[in-house]
Amino acid sequence: MSILDPPRTLADAMEDFENSNAYWSYPISVRSRFQQVVSWWPERDASFPLVKVNATFAKMQRDRAALAQGYRAGNFALVLLQTLVVRAVDAGALSSNRVKQVPKLAPLKGSPSRDRRQIKPIRGGLLVENNLAKAENSTA
């Protein structure tokens, strides 16, 4: 593929993105997350045509990545797809950005754990001990 050809697949688009200055302007933590997403992509997803990427495909990628690696990985998969599509729109390979409105996943709220130790009230324990001591003294 030459520099003038638009990327045909997601893998091609990612390769072009990695060779651009925009990729290197991201912090290393974001670039490593992008690499994590690319290494996670199955072959059929990496070879998916970029012109067929739409909101449904982006949601599916986000949800599958979140199921496999957590909600943050799902959000980074979505951000990477959105970035690749924006670059394709800017290059003229796509006419519109069809993944712009796909929302990120919210963090999962953990259920209250029942494994924690129960905190005993201070006053309740002292009152019971005092009452027991009084009861022992009155019977003796």
N, C-alpha and C. Protein backbone atom coordinates (compact mmCIF):
# COMPACT_ATOMS: atom_id res chain seq x y z
N MET A 1 0.84 -1.17 0.00
CA MET A 1 0.00 0.00 0.00
C MET A 1 0.89 1.24 0.00
N SER A 2 0.64 2.16 -0.90
CA SER A 2 1.44 3.38 -0.95
C SER A 2 0.83 4.44 -0.03
N ILE A 3 1.56 5.51 0.14
CA ILE A 3 1.12 6.59 1.02
C ILE A 3 -0.14 7.26 0.49
N LEU A 4 -0.31 7.30 -0.82
CA LEU A 4 -1.45 7.98 -1.42
C LEU A 4 -2.73 7.17 -1.36
N ASP A 5 -2.64 5.85 -1.21
CA ASP A 5 -3.82 5.00 -1.15
C ASP A 5 -4.50 5.16 0.21
N PRO A 6 -5.83 5.24 0.23
CA PRO A 6 -6.52 5.27 1.52
C PRO A 6 -6.45 3.89 2.17
N PRO A 7 -6.47 3.84 3.49
CA PRO A 7 -6.42 2.54 4.16
C PRO A 7 -7.68 1.73 3.84
N ARG A 8 -7.47 0.46 3.60
CA ARG A 8 -8.58 -0.41 3.22
C ARG A 8 -9.16 -1.15 4.40
N THR A 9 -8.35 -1.52 5.36
CA THR A 9 -8.82 -2.26 6.52
C THR A 9 -8.44 -1.52 7.80
N LEU A 10 -8.94 -2.02 8.91
CA LEU A 10 -8.60 -1.42 10.20
C LEU A 10 -7.10 -1.57 10.49
N ALA A 11 -6.53 -2.70 10.11
CA ALA A 11 -5.09 -2.90 10.33
C ALA A 11 -4.27 -1.90 9.51
N ASP A 12 -4.68 -1.67 8.26
CA ASP A 12 -4.00 -0.67 7.43
C ASP A 12 -4.13 0.73 8.02
N ALA A 13 -5.33 1.05 8.50
CA ALA A 13 -5.56 2.37 9.09
C ALA A 13 -4.71 2.55 10.35
N MET A 14 -4.58 1.49 11.14
CA MET A 14 -3.76 1.58 12.34
C MET A 14 -2.29 1.73 11.99
N GLU A 15 -1.85 1.04 10.95
CA GLU A 15 -0.46 1.18 10.51
C GLU A 15 -0.17 2.61 10.04
N ASP A 16 -1.10 3.18 9.29
CA ASP A 16 -0.93 4.58 8.86
C ASP A 16 -0.93 5.52 10.06
N PHE A 17 -1.81 5.24 11.02
CA PHE A 17 -1.89 6.08 12.22
C PHE A 17 -0.60 6.01 13.03
N GLU A 18 -0.03 4.81 13.16
CA GLU A 18 1.23 4.66 13.90
C GLU A 18 2.38 5.41 13.25
N ASN A 19 2.34 5.57 11.94
CA ASN A 19 3.40 6.27 11.23
C ASN A 19 3.19 7.78 11.16
N SER A 20 2.13 8.28 11.78
CA SER A 20 1.84 9.70 11.72
C SER A 20 2.35 10.42 12.97
N ASN A 21 2.45 11.74 12.87
CA ASN A 21 2.85 12.54 14.03
C ASN A 21 1.75 12.61 15.07
N ALA A 22 0.50 12.48 14.65
CA ALA A 22 -0.62 12.54 15.59
C ALA A 22 -0.55 11.39 16.61
N TYR A 23 -0.14 10.23 16.15
CA TYR A 23 -0.02 9.07 17.06
C TYR A 23 1.02 9.35 18.13
N TRP A 24 2.14 9.92 17.75
CA TRP A 24 3.22 10.15 18.70
C TRP A 24 2.96 11.34 19.60
N SER A 25 1.92 12.13 19.31
CA SER A 25 1.58 13.23 20.20
C SER A 25 0.77 12.76 21.41
N TYR A 26 0.22 11.55 21.33
CA TYR A 26 -0.50 10.98 22.48
C TYR A 26 0.49 10.57 23.56
N PRO A 27 0.07 10.61 24.84
CA PRO A 27 0.95 10.11 25.91
C PRO A 27 1.21 8.62 25.74
N ILE A 28 2.28 8.16 26.30
CA ILE A 28 2.66 6.75 26.14
C ILE A 28 1.62 5.81 26.74
N SER A 29 0.92 6.25 27.78
CA SER A 29 -0.12 5.40 28.37
C SER A 29 -1.26 5.16 27.37
N VAL A 30 -1.61 6.18 26.62
CA VAL A 30 -2.68 6.03 25.62
C VAL A 30 -2.19 5.18 24.45
N ARG A 31 -0.96 5.42 24.01
CA ARG A 31 -0.41 4.62 22.91
C ARG A 31 -0.32 3.15 23.29
N SER A 32 0.04 2.87 24.53
CA SER A 32 0.12 1.47 24.95
C SER A 32 -1.27 0.84 25.01
N ARG A 33 -2.28 1.62 25.38
CA ARG A 33 -3.65 1.09 25.36
C ARG A 33 -4.11 0.84 23.92
N PHE A 34 -3.72 1.73 23.00
CA PHE A 34 -4.05 1.49 21.59
C PHE A 34 -3.40 0.20 21.10
N GLN A 35 -2.14 -0.01 21.48
CA GLN A 35 -1.45 -1.24 21.09
C GLN A 35 -2.12 -2.47 21.71
N GLN A 36 -2.62 -2.33 22.93
CA GLN A 36 -3.33 -3.42 23.58
C GLN A 36 -4.59 -3.77 22.80
N VAL A 37 -5.30 -2.76 22.33
CA VAL A 37 -6.51 -3.00 21.54
C VAL A 37 -6.16 -3.70 20.23
N VAL A 38 -5.11 -3.23 19.56
CA VAL A 38 -4.72 -3.83 18.28
C VAL A 38 -4.28 -5.27 18.47
N SER A 39 -3.55 -5.55 19.54
CA SER A 39 -3.12 -6.94 19.77
C SER A 39 -4.30 -7.83 20.16
N TRP A 40 -5.35 -7.24 20.70
CA TRP A 40 -6.54 -8.01 21.08
C TRP A 40 -7.43 -8.32 19.88
N TRP A 41 -7.41 -7.45 18.83
CA TRP A 41 -8.29 -7.65 17.68
C TRP A 41 -8.11 -9.02 17.07
N PRO A 42 -9.18 -9.76 16.90
CA PRO A 42 -9.09 -11.00 16.12
C PRO A 42 -8.79 -10.66 14.66
N GLU A 43 -8.34 -11.63 13.91
CA GLU A 43 -7.97 -11.41 12.51
C GLU A 43 -9.13 -10.88 11.68
N ARG A 44 -10.33 -11.39 11.95
CA ARG A 44 -11.49 -10.94 11.17
C ARG A 44 -11.82 -9.47 11.44
N ASP A 45 -11.54 -8.99 12.66
CA ASP A 45 -11.79 -7.57 12.96
C ASP A 45 -10.69 -6.68 12.39
N ALA A 46 -9.46 -7.15 12.44
CA ALA A 46 -8.35 -6.37 11.89
C ALA A 46 -8.48 -6.24 10.37
N SER A 47 -9.07 -7.23 9.73
CA SER A 47 -9.22 -7.18 8.28
C SER A 47 -10.59 -6.62 7.85
N PHE A 48 -11.33 -6.07 8.79
CA PHE A 48 -12.64 -5.48 8.49
C PHE A 48 -12.44 -4.21 7.66
N PRO A 49 -13.19 -4.02 6.58
CA PRO A 49 -13.01 -2.82 5.74
C PRO A 49 -13.38 -1.55 6.50
N LEU A 50 -12.55 -0.54 6.39
CA LEU A 50 -12.76 0.71 7.10
C LEU A 50 -14.02 1.42 6.62
N VAL A 51 -14.37 1.27 5.37
CA VAL A 51 -15.56 1.95 4.84
C VAL A 51 -16.85 1.35 5.39
N LYS A 52 -16.79 0.15 5.95
CA LYS A 52 -17.98 -0.49 6.52
C LYS A 52 -18.11 -0.27 8.03
N VAL A 53 -17.18 0.42 8.63
CA VAL A 53 -17.26 0.69 10.07
C VAL A 53 -18.40 1.66 10.32
N ASN A 54 -19.32 1.26 11.20
CA ASN A 54 -20.45 2.12 11.56
C ASN A 54 -20.65 2.06 13.07
N ALA A 55 -21.70 2.69 13.55
CA ALA A 55 -21.94 2.76 14.99
C ALA A 55 -22.19 1.38 15.59
N THR A 56 -22.87 0.52 14.87
CA THR A 56 -23.14 -0.83 15.37
C THR A 56 -21.85 -1.61 15.54
N PHE A 57 -20.97 -1.52 14.56
CA PHE A 57 -19.68 -2.21 14.66
C PHE A 57 -18.86 -1.65 15.82
N ALA A 58 -18.88 -0.33 16.01
CA ALA A 58 -18.12 0.30 17.10
C ALA A 58 -18.66 -0.14 18.46
N LYS A 59 -19.98 -0.20 18.59
CA LYS A 59 -20.57 -0.66 19.86
C LYS A 59 -20.21 -2.11 20.13
N MET A 60 -20.24 -2.92 19.08
CA MET A 60 -19.89 -4.33 19.23
C MET A 60 -18.43 -4.48 19.66
N GLN A 61 -17.52 -3.73 19.04
CA GLN A 61 -16.10 -3.79 19.42
C GLN A 61 -15.91 -3.32 20.86
N ARG A 62 -16.56 -2.21 21.21
CA ARG A 62 -16.47 -1.68 22.57
C ARG A 62 -16.95 -2.70 23.60
N ASP A 63 -18.09 -3.31 23.34
CA ASP A 63 -18.67 -4.26 24.29
C ASP A 63 -17.87 -5.55 24.38
N ARG A 64 -17.35 -6.03 23.24
CA ARG A 64 -16.54 -7.25 23.27
C ARG A 64 -15.23 -7.02 24.00
N ALA A 65 -14.60 -5.86 23.79
CA ALA A 65 -13.36 -5.55 24.50
C ALA A 65 -13.63 -5.38 25.98
N ALA A 66 -14.76 -4.76 26.32
CA ALA A 66 -15.10 -4.58 27.74
C ALA A 66 -15.38 -5.92 28.41
N LEU A 67 -16.02 -6.81 27.70
CA LEU A 67 -16.30 -8.13 28.26
C LEU A 67 -15.01 -8.91 28.48
N ALA A 68 -14.07 -8.77 27.55
CA ALA A 68 -12.82 -9.53 27.64
C ALA A 68 -11.83 -8.93 28.62
N GLN A 69 -11.75 -7.57 28.67
CA GLN A 69 -10.67 -6.95 29.43
C GLN A 69 -11.11 -5.83 30.36
N GLY A 70 -12.39 -5.55 30.48
CA GLY A 70 -12.86 -4.51 31.37
C GLY A 70 -13.34 -3.28 30.61
N TYR A 71 -14.08 -2.43 31.33
CA TYR A 71 -14.72 -1.30 30.67
C TYR A 71 -13.71 -0.29 30.12
N ARG A 72 -12.54 -0.14 30.75
CA ARG A 72 -11.54 0.80 30.24
C ARG A 72 -11.01 0.34 28.88
N ALA A 73 -10.76 -0.95 28.74
CA ALA A 73 -10.30 -1.48 27.46
C ALA A 73 -11.38 -1.29 26.39
N GLY A 74 -12.64 -1.45 26.77
CA GLY A 74 -13.73 -1.19 25.83
C GLY A 74 -13.77 0.25 25.39
N ASN A 75 -13.55 1.16 26.33
CA ASN A 75 -13.54 2.58 25.98
C ASN A 75 -12.36 2.94 25.09
N PHE A 76 -11.21 2.34 25.33
CA PHE A 76 -10.05 2.61 24.47
C PHE A 76 -10.24 2.01 23.08
N ALA A 77 -10.91 0.87 22.99
CA ALA A 77 -11.22 0.31 21.67
C ALA A 77 -12.13 1.26 20.90
N LEU A 78 -13.08 1.84 21.59
CA LEU A 78 -13.98 2.80 20.95
C LEU A 78 -13.23 4.06 20.53
N VAL A 79 -12.37 4.58 21.40
CA VAL A 79 -11.60 5.79 21.07
C VAL A 79 -10.69 5.54 19.87
N LEU A 80 -10.08 4.37 19.82
CA LEU A 80 -9.22 4.06 18.68
C LEU A 80 -10.03 4.00 17.39
N LEU A 81 -11.18 3.35 17.41
CA LEU A 81 -12.02 3.30 16.21
C LEU A 81 -12.47 4.70 15.80
N GLN A 82 -12.85 5.52 16.77
CA GLN A 82 -13.28 6.88 16.45
C GLN A 82 -12.13 7.68 15.84
N THR A 83 -10.93 7.49 16.36
CA THR A 83 -9.76 8.20 15.84
C THR A 83 -9.46 7.76 14.41
N LEU A 84 -9.50 6.46 14.16
CA LEU A 84 -9.23 5.96 12.81
C LEU A 84 -10.27 6.45 11.82
N VAL A 85 -11.54 6.51 12.23
CA VAL A 85 -12.58 6.98 11.33
C VAL A 85 -12.43 8.47 11.06
N VAL A 86 -12.08 9.26 12.10
CA VAL A 86 -11.87 10.70 11.90
C VAL A 86 -10.74 10.93 10.91
N ARG A 87 -9.66 10.17 11.03
CA ARG A 87 -8.54 10.31 10.09
C ARG A 87 -8.97 9.95 8.67
N ALA A 88 -9.82 8.93 8.52
CA ALA A 88 -10.29 8.53 7.20
C ALA A 88 -11.22 9.60 6.61
N VAL A 89 -12.04 10.22 7.46
CA VAL A 89 -12.91 11.30 6.98
C VAL A 89 -12.07 12.49 6.54
N ASP A 90 -11.05 12.84 7.33
CA ASP A 90 -10.17 13.96 6.98
C ASP A 90 -9.40 13.68 5.68
N ALA A 91 -9.05 12.42 5.46
CA ALA A 91 -8.31 12.07 4.24
C ALA A 91 -9.23 11.96 3.02
N GLY A 92 -10.55 11.93 3.25
CA GLY A 92 -11.49 11.84 2.14
C GLY A 92 -11.89 10.42 1.79
N ALA A 93 -11.43 9.44 2.55
CA ALA A 93 -11.81 8.05 2.26
C ALA A 93 -13.24 7.76 2.69
N LEU A 94 -13.73 8.46 3.70
CA LEU A 94 -15.11 8.31 4.16
C LEU A 94 -15.82 9.66 4.04
N SER A 95 -17.11 9.61 3.77
CA SER A 95 -17.85 10.85 3.60
C SER A 95 -18.36 11.42 4.93
N SER A 96 -18.64 10.55 5.91
CA SER A 96 -19.14 11.04 7.20
C SER A 96 -18.58 10.18 8.33
N ASN A 97 -18.60 10.76 9.51
CA ASN A 97 -18.15 10.06 10.71
C ASN A 97 -19.36 9.37 11.33
N ARG A 98 -19.42 8.06 11.19
CA ARG A 98 -20.59 7.32 11.66
C ARG A 98 -20.42 6.76 13.06
N VAL A 99 -19.27 7.01 13.70
CA VAL A 99 -19.06 6.48 15.05
C VAL A 99 -18.87 7.59 16.08
N LYS A 100 -19.15 8.82 15.68
CA LYS A 100 -18.91 9.96 16.57
C LYS A 100 -19.84 9.94 17.79
N GLN A 101 -21.07 9.51 17.63
CA GLN A 101 -22.07 9.58 18.69
C GLN A 101 -22.13 8.34 19.58
N VAL A 102 -21.25 7.38 19.38
CA VAL A 102 -21.26 6.18 20.21
C VAL A 102 -20.72 6.53 21.59
N PRO A 103 -21.49 6.28 22.65
CA PRO A 103 -21.04 6.67 23.99
C PRO A 103 -20.04 5.68 24.58
N LYS A 104 -19.24 6.21 25.50
CA LYS A 104 -18.32 5.35 26.24
C LYS A 104 -19.08 4.60 27.31
N LEU A 105 -18.46 3.56 27.82
CA LEU A 105 -19.06 2.79 28.90
C LEU A 105 -18.78 3.47 30.23
N ALA A 106 -19.75 3.44 31.11
CA ALA A 106 -19.57 3.98 32.46
C ALA A 106 -18.89 2.93 33.33
N PRO A 107 -18.16 3.35 34.35
CA PRO A 107 -17.55 2.36 35.25
C PRO A 107 -18.63 1.54 35.95
N LEU A 108 -18.32 0.30 36.17
CA LEU A 108 -19.26 -0.58 36.84
C LEU A 108 -19.29 -0.24 38.32
N LYS A 109 -20.48 -0.16 38.86
CA LYS A 109 -20.61 0.08 40.29
C LYS A 109 -20.56 -1.27 40.99
N GLY A 110 -19.66 -1.38 41.94
CA GLY A 110 -19.53 -2.64 42.66
C GLY A 110 -20.64 -2.83 43.66
N SER A 111 -21.08 -4.05 43.81
CA SER A 111 -22.11 -4.33 44.80
C SER A 111 -21.46 -4.33 46.19
N PRO A 112 -22.20 -3.97 47.21
CA PRO A 112 -21.61 -3.97 48.54
C PRO A 112 -21.18 -5.38 48.92
N SER A 113 -19.98 -5.48 49.38
CA SER A 113 -19.43 -6.79 49.73
C SER A 113 -19.91 -7.21 51.10
N ARG A 114 -20.21 -8.47 51.23
CA ARG A 114 -20.63 -9.01 52.53
C ARG A 114 -19.45 -9.63 53.27
N ASP A 115 -18.26 -9.54 52.68
CA ASP A 115 -17.09 -10.15 53.29
C ASP A 115 -16.40 -9.23 54.30
N ARG A 116 -16.83 -7.99 54.38
CA ARG A 116 -16.18 -7.08 55.30
C ARG A 116 -16.60 -7.37 56.73
N ARG A 117 -15.71 -7.04 57.64
CA ARG A 117 -16.06 -7.27 59.04
C ARG A 117 -17.08 -6.22 59.46
N GLN A 118 -17.95 -6.64 60.35
CA GLN A 118 -18.97 -5.73 60.81
C GLN A 118 -18.40 -4.87 61.94
N ILE A 119 -18.66 -3.59 61.89
CA ILE A 119 -18.18 -2.68 62.92
C ILE A 119 -19.19 -2.70 64.06
N LYS A 120 -18.72 -3.01 65.23
CA LYS A 120 -19.61 -3.08 66.39
C LYS A 120 -19.68 -1.71 67.04
N PRO A 121 -20.86 -1.30 67.46
CA PRO A 121 -20.95 -0.01 68.13
C PRO A 121 -20.25 -0.06 69.49
N ILE A 122 -19.58 1.01 69.84
CA ILE A 122 -18.82 1.05 71.10
C ILE A 122 -19.76 1.07 72.30
N ARG A 123 -20.75 1.92 72.28
CA ARG A 123 -21.63 2.08 73.44
C ARG A 123 -22.49 0.87 73.68
N GLY A 124 -22.94 0.24 72.63
CA GLY A 124 -23.79 -0.93 72.80
C GLY A 124 -23.06 -2.04 73.54
N GLY A 125 -21.79 -2.25 73.27
CA GLY A 125 -21.02 -3.29 73.94
C GLY A 125 -20.76 -2.95 75.39
N LEU A 126 -20.51 -1.70 75.72
CA LEU A 126 -20.26 -1.29 77.10
C LEU A 126 -21.51 -1.40 77.95
N LEU A 127 -22.64 -1.08 77.41
CA LEU A 127 -23.88 -1.15 78.16
C LEU A 127 -24.22 -2.59 78.50
N VAL A 128 -24.00 -3.48 77.57
CA VAL A 128 -24.29 -4.89 77.81
C VAL A 128 -23.38 -5.44 78.90
N GLU A 129 -22.08 -5.08 78.86
CA GLU A 129 -21.15 -5.56 79.89
C GLU A 129 -21.51 -5.01 81.26
N ASN A 130 -21.90 -3.75 81.33
CA ASN A 130 -22.28 -3.16 82.62
C ASN A 130 -23.54 -3.81 83.17
N ASN A 131 -24.50 -4.10 82.31
CA ASN A 131 -25.71 -4.74 82.76
C ASN A 131 -25.44 -6.16 83.26
N LEU A 132 -24.50 -6.86 82.60
CA LEU A 132 -24.16 -8.21 83.05
C LEU A 132 -23.48 -8.16 84.41
N ALA A 133 -22.61 -7.18 84.61
CA ALA A 133 -21.91 -7.07 85.88
C ALA A 133 -22.91 -6.74 87.00
N LYS A 134 -23.88 -5.91 86.76
CA LYS A 134 -24.89 -5.59 87.75
C LYS A 134 -25.75 -6.79 88.07
N ALA A 135 -26.06 -7.56 87.02
CA ALA A 135 -26.89 -8.75 87.24
C ALA A 135 -26.15 -9.76 88.08
N GLU A 136 -24.84 -9.94 87.90
CA GLU A 136 -24.06 -10.87 88.69
C GLU A 136 -23.97 -10.42 90.14
N ASN A 137 -23.82 -9.15 90.39
CA ASN A 137 -23.70 -8.61 91.74
C ASN A 137 -25.01 -8.74 92.50
N SER A 138 -26.14 -8.64 91.83
CA SER A 138 -27.41 -8.68 92.53
C SER A 138 -27.79 -10.10 92.95
N THR A 139 -27.32 -11.12 92.25
CA THR A 139 -27.65 -12.50 92.60
C THR A 139 -26.71 -13.04 93.65
N ALA A 140 -25.55 -12.42 93.86
CA ALA A 140 -24.59 -12.98 94.79
C ALA A 140 -24.77 -12.51 96.19
